[in-house]
Protein backbone atom coordinates (compact mmCIF):
# COMPACT_ATOMS: atom_id res chain seq x y z
CA MET A 1 -19.05 1.80 2.03
CA PHE A 2 -18.65 1.71 6.11
CA ASP A 3 -15.93 -0.17 8.47
CA VAL A 4 -17.08 -2.59 11.41
CA TYR A 5 -14.77 -2.87 14.35
CA LEU A 6 -15.10 -3.95 17.57
CA ASN A 7 -13.42 -3.87 21.15
CA THR A 8 -12.12 -6.06 23.87
CA LYS A 9 -15.38 -5.05 25.40
CA ARG A 10 -17.57 -6.06 22.65
CA ASP A 11 -18.35 -2.69 21.61
CA LEU A 12 -19.40 -2.12 18.91
CA LEU A 13 -18.02 0.87 15.95
CA VAL A 14 -18.77 2.12 12.85
CA VAL A 15 -17.25 4.97 10.51
CA PRO A 16 -16.89 5.34 6.94
CA ASN A 17 -14.49 3.18 5.09
CA GLY A 18 -11.24 4.08 4.82
CA LEU A 19 -11.46 6.35 7.89
CA PRO A 20 -9.65 6.47 11.17
CA ILE A 21 -10.85 5.34 14.99
CA PRO A 22 -12.07 8.53 15.70
CA LEU A 23 -12.48 7.95 19.49
CA PRO A 24 -8.74 8.21 20.90
CA ASP A 25 -9.69 8.01 24.57
CA ALA A 26 -12.03 5.17 24.26
CA SER A 27 -11.24 2.03 26.08
CA GLY A 28 -10.12 -1.09 25.34
CA ARG A 29 -8.04 -3.05 21.35
CA TRP A 30 -10.49 -1.74 18.62
CA ARG A 31 -10.55 -5.32 15.63
CA LYS A 32 -12.16 -4.20 12.14
CA LYS A 33 -14.29 -7.20 11.78
CA LYS A 34 -15.94 -6.24 7.96
CA LYS A 35 -16.87 -3.69 5.68
CA VAL A 36 -20.09 -2.77 5.24
CA ALA A 37 -22.34 -1.80 2.26
CA SER A 38 -25.17 -0.71 3.30
CA VAL A 39 -26.69 -0.65 7.73
CA SER A 40 -29.78 -0.06 9.37
CA GLU A 41 -31.00 4.08 8.28
CA ASP A 42 -30.19 4.82 12.43
CA ILE A 43 -26.47 3.92 12.44
CA LYS A 44 -26.16 6.49 8.45
CA LEU A 45 -27.20 9.21 10.03
CA ALA A 46 -24.95 8.85 13.60
CA VAL A 47 -22.78 8.26 10.99
CA GLN A 48 -23.43 11.45 9.31
CA ARG A 49 -24.25 13.66 12.09
CA GLN A 50 -21.01 13.23 14.03
CA GLY A 51 -18.52 10.74 12.06
CA TYR A 52 -19.20 7.05 13.75
CA TYR A 53 -21.23 5.67 15.26
CA MET A 54 -21.21 3.23 18.99
CA ARG A 55 -22.54 1.24 20.46
CA LYS A 56 -21.94 -0.59 23.54
CA LEU A 57 -22.87 -4.68 24.45
CA THR A 58 -24.11 -3.27 28.04
CA ASP A 59 -26.08 -0.61 26.68
CA PHE A 60 -27.74 -3.51 24.47
CA LYS A 61 -28.47 -6.39 26.83
CA LYS A 62 -30.96 -3.95 28.76
CA ARG A 63 -33.62 -3.60 26.76
């Protein structure tokens, strides 16, 4: 299970269920959106490697 957060800039943060937000220097206020049972393999690998996955909305728009 994973917790999904969005901030005021609509950036995405995914952390394992029950863990606090690991980014004390992250800008904006994070709001919990929902709890999900599964995520993509890329996100799962990032969470295993660094403990969280973060994607900025501006990165998504450039693609």
